């Protein structure tokens, strides 16, 4: 998706060009909106929702309410 021409050298190092930032963000938003079937939830959720669910599980683990069991993709 991103190519070497999407970057340029700057005094502070290598930076991504503005058009490449938009391309990356658009692709990221599309990916996060993609829905997948999650077996233990029994429903389709987006990657964005799945990240939120994992964060809630980590929060419960840190508060000592429930041991964290990470989501593992099954192919």
N, C-alpha and C. Protein backbone atom coordinates (compact mmCIF):
# COMPACT_ATOMS: atom_id res chain seq x y z
N UNK A 1 0.82 -1.17 0.00
CA UNK A 1 0.00 0.00 0.00
C UNK A 1 0.88 1.26 0.00
N UNK A 2 1.75 1.37 0.96
CA UNK A 2 2.68 2.50 0.98
C UNK A 2 3.95 2.12 0.25
N UNK A 3 4.46 3.09 -0.49
CA UNK A 3 5.65 2.86 -1.30
C UNK A 3 6.74 3.85 -0.90
N UNK A 4 7.96 3.60 -1.31
CA UNK A 4 9.05 4.52 -0.94
C UNK A 4 8.78 5.98 -1.32
N UNK A 5 8.05 6.21 -2.41
CA UNK A 5 7.77 7.59 -2.82
C UNK A 5 6.77 8.30 -1.91
N UNK A 6 6.15 7.56 -0.98
CA UNK A 6 5.25 8.17 -0.01
C UNK A 6 6.01 8.81 1.16
N UNK A 7 7.31 8.68 1.17
CA UNK A 7 8.14 9.20 2.24
C UNK A 7 9.15 10.19 1.69
N UNK A 8 9.61 11.09 2.56
CA UNK A 8 10.64 12.05 2.16
C UNK A 8 11.59 12.29 3.32
N UNK A 9 12.81 12.64 2.96
CA UNK A 9 13.80 12.95 4.00
C UNK A 9 13.58 14.35 4.50
N UNK A 10 13.76 14.52 5.80
CA UNK A 10 13.57 15.79 6.47
C UNK A 10 14.78 15.99 7.38
N UNK A 11 14.91 17.15 7.95
CA UNK A 11 16.01 17.40 8.88
C UNK A 11 15.93 16.49 10.10
N UNK A 12 14.72 16.06 10.45
CA UNK A 12 14.53 15.21 11.62
C UNK A 12 14.51 13.73 11.27
N UNK A 13 14.68 13.38 10.01
CA UNK A 13 14.67 11.97 9.61
C UNK A 13 13.78 11.77 8.40
N UNK A 14 13.12 10.65 8.35
CA UNK A 14 12.23 10.33 7.24
C UNK A 14 10.80 10.51 7.71
N UNK A 15 10.00 11.24 6.92
CA UNK A 15 8.61 11.51 7.29
C UNK A 15 7.68 11.04 6.18
N UNK A 16 6.46 10.77 6.57
CA UNK A 16 5.45 10.32 5.61
C UNK A 16 4.75 11.56 5.03
N UNK A 17 4.51 11.54 3.74
CA UNK A 17 3.85 12.66 3.07
C UNK A 17 2.36 12.68 3.42
N UNK A 18 1.75 13.86 3.28
CA UNK A 18 0.35 14.04 3.66
C UNK A 18 -0.59 13.12 2.88
N UNK A 19 -0.37 12.94 1.58
CA UNK A 19 -1.26 12.07 0.80
C UNK A 19 -1.14 10.62 1.25
N UNK A 20 0.05 10.22 1.70
CA UNK A 20 0.25 8.86 2.19
C UNK A 20 -0.42 8.67 3.55
N UNK A 21 -0.43 9.72 4.38
CA UNK A 21 -1.13 9.64 5.66
C UNK A 21 -2.61 9.35 5.44
N UNK A 22 -3.21 10.08 4.48
CA UNK A 22 -4.62 9.87 4.18
C UNK A 22 -4.86 8.45 3.67
N UNK A 23 -4.00 7.98 2.79
CA UNK A 23 -4.11 6.63 2.25
C UNK A 23 -4.05 5.60 3.38
N UNK A 24 -3.11 5.77 4.29
CA UNK A 24 -2.95 4.84 5.41
C UNK A 24 -4.16 4.86 6.33
N UNK A 25 -4.63 6.06 6.70
CA UNK A 25 -5.77 6.19 7.60
C UNK A 25 -7.03 5.60 6.97
N UNK A 26 -7.24 5.85 5.69
CA UNK A 26 -8.40 5.28 4.99
C UNK A 26 -8.37 3.75 5.02
N UNK A 27 -7.20 3.19 4.77
CA UNK A 27 -7.06 1.73 4.79
C UNK A 27 -7.26 1.17 6.19
N UNK A 28 -6.71 1.86 7.19
CA UNK A 28 -6.88 1.44 8.58
C UNK A 28 -8.35 1.48 8.99
N UNK A 29 -9.05 2.55 8.65
CA UNK A 29 -10.48 2.65 8.97
C UNK A 29 -11.28 1.53 8.30
N UNK A 30 -10.94 1.23 7.07
CA UNK A 30 -11.63 0.15 6.37
C UNK A 30 -11.38 -1.19 7.06
N UNK A 31 -10.14 -1.43 7.46
CA UNK A 31 -9.80 -2.68 8.13
C UNK A 31 -10.49 -2.79 9.49
N UNK A 32 -10.49 -1.70 10.26
CA UNK A 32 -11.12 -1.72 11.58
C UNK A 32 -12.64 -1.90 11.50
N UNK A 33 -13.22 -1.52 10.37
CA UNK A 33 -14.67 -1.67 10.18
C UNK A 33 -15.06 -3.06 9.68
N UNK A 34 -14.09 -3.83 9.23
CA UNK A 34 -14.35 -5.18 8.73
C UNK A 34 -14.89 -6.05 9.86
N UNK A 35 -15.94 -6.81 9.58
CA UNK A 35 -16.50 -7.68 10.61
C UNK A 35 -16.03 -9.11 10.42
N UNK A 36 -15.87 -9.78 11.55
CA UNK A 36 -15.46 -11.18 11.56
C UNK A 36 -16.35 -11.94 12.53
N UNK A 37 -16.43 -13.23 12.35
CA UNK A 37 -17.20 -14.08 13.26
C UNK A 37 -16.31 -14.48 14.43
N UNK A 38 -16.79 -14.23 15.63
CA UNK A 38 -16.03 -14.58 16.82
C UNK A 38 -16.79 -15.69 17.54
N UNK A 39 -16.15 -16.84 17.60
CA UNK A 39 -16.81 -18.06 18.10
C UNK A 39 -17.34 -17.91 19.53
N UNK A 40 -16.51 -17.44 20.46
CA UNK A 40 -16.95 -17.40 21.86
C UNK A 40 -17.97 -16.27 22.12
N UNK A 41 -18.07 -15.31 21.20
CA UNK A 41 -19.09 -14.27 21.32
C UNK A 41 -20.37 -14.72 20.62
N UNK A 42 -20.21 -15.54 19.59
CA UNK A 42 -21.35 -16.05 18.87
C UNK A 42 -21.99 -15.03 17.95
N UNK A 43 -21.21 -14.09 17.49
CA UNK A 43 -21.75 -13.02 16.66
C UNK A 43 -20.63 -12.45 15.79
N UNK A 44 -21.02 -11.62 14.83
CA UNK A 44 -20.04 -10.90 14.04
C UNK A 44 -19.73 -9.58 14.72
N UNK A 45 -18.44 -9.27 14.82
CA UNK A 45 -18.01 -7.99 15.39
C UNK A 45 -16.93 -7.41 14.48
N UNK A 46 -16.79 -6.10 14.54
CA UNK A 46 -15.73 -5.45 13.78
C UNK A 46 -14.41 -5.58 14.55
N UNK A 47 -13.32 -5.37 13.85
CA UNK A 47 -12.02 -5.39 14.54
C UNK A 47 -11.99 -4.30 15.60
N UNK A 48 -12.62 -3.16 15.34
CA UNK A 48 -12.67 -2.07 16.32
C UNK A 48 -13.39 -2.55 17.59
N UNK A 49 -14.52 -3.24 17.43
CA UNK A 49 -15.25 -3.76 18.59
C UNK A 49 -14.44 -4.83 19.31
N UNK A 50 -13.74 -5.65 18.55
CA UNK A 50 -12.92 -6.71 19.15
C UNK A 50 -11.81 -6.12 20.01
N UNK A 51 -11.19 -5.06 19.54
CA UNK A 51 -10.16 -4.38 20.34
C UNK A 51 -10.77 -3.86 21.63
N UNK A 52 -11.94 -3.24 21.55
CA UNK A 52 -12.62 -2.72 22.74
C UNK A 52 -12.95 -3.85 23.72
N UNK A 53 -13.43 -4.97 23.21
CA UNK A 53 -13.74 -6.12 24.06
C UNK A 53 -12.49 -6.61 24.78
N UNK A 54 -11.37 -6.69 24.05
CA UNK A 54 -10.12 -7.13 24.66
C UNK A 54 -9.66 -6.16 25.75
N UNK A 55 -9.85 -4.87 25.52
CA UNK A 55 -9.48 -3.89 26.54
C UNK A 55 -10.33 -4.04 27.80
N UNK A 56 -11.62 -4.30 27.64
CA UNK A 56 -12.48 -4.55 28.80
C UNK A 56 -12.01 -5.78 29.57
N UNK A 57 -11.62 -6.82 28.83
CA UNK A 57 -11.14 -8.05 29.48
C UNK A 57 -9.85 -7.78 30.26
N UNK A 58 -8.96 -6.98 29.69
CA UNK A 58 -7.72 -6.62 30.39
C UNK A 58 -8.03 -5.80 31.63
N UNK A 59 -9.00 -4.88 31.51
CA UNK A 59 -9.40 -4.07 32.65
C UNK A 59 -9.91 -4.95 33.79
N UNK A 60 -10.77 -5.91 33.48
CA UNK A 60 -11.30 -6.83 34.51
C UNK A 60 -10.17 -7.64 35.14
N UNK A 61 -9.18 -8.02 34.32
CA UNK A 61 -8.04 -8.77 34.83
C UNK A 61 -7.24 -7.91 35.82
N UNK A 62 -6.97 -6.66 35.44
CA UNK A 62 -6.18 -5.77 36.29
C UNK A 62 -6.91 -5.44 37.59
N UNK A 63 -8.23 -5.45 37.55
CA UNK A 63 -9.01 -5.18 38.76
C UNK A 63 -9.20 -6.44 39.59
N UNK A 64 -8.70 -7.57 39.11
CA UNK A 64 -8.77 -8.81 39.86
C UNK A 64 -10.11 -9.52 39.77
N UNK A 65 -10.96 -9.12 38.83
CA UNK A 65 -12.29 -9.73 38.72
C UNK A 65 -12.28 -11.03 37.92
N UNK A 66 -11.44 -11.11 36.93
CA UNK A 66 -11.45 -12.27 36.05
C UNK A 66 -10.09 -12.40 35.37
N UNK A 67 -9.60 -13.63 35.26
CA UNK A 67 -8.32 -13.85 34.59
C UNK A 67 -8.46 -13.58 33.10
N UNK A 68 -7.46 -12.91 32.53
CA UNK A 68 -7.50 -12.53 31.12
C UNK A 68 -7.25 -13.73 30.22
N UNK A 69 -8.16 -13.97 29.32
CA UNK A 69 -8.02 -14.99 28.29
C UNK A 69 -8.02 -14.26 26.95
N UNK A 70 -6.88 -14.16 26.28
CA UNK A 70 -6.82 -13.38 25.05
C UNK A 70 -7.60 -14.04 23.90
N UNK A 71 -8.05 -13.20 23.00
CA UNK A 71 -8.69 -13.67 21.78
C UNK A 71 -7.61 -14.26 20.89
N UNK A 72 -7.85 -15.44 20.37
CA UNK A 72 -6.90 -16.09 19.47
C UNK A 72 -7.64 -16.39 18.17
N UNK A 73 -7.10 -15.88 17.07
CA UNK A 73 -7.72 -16.10 15.78
C UNK A 73 -7.63 -17.58 15.42
N UNK A 74 -8.72 -18.13 14.96
CA UNK A 74 -8.73 -19.52 14.52
C UNK A 74 -8.89 -19.55 13.01
N UNK A 75 -7.96 -20.16 12.33
CA UNK A 75 -7.97 -20.18 10.86
C UNK A 75 -8.74 -21.35 10.36
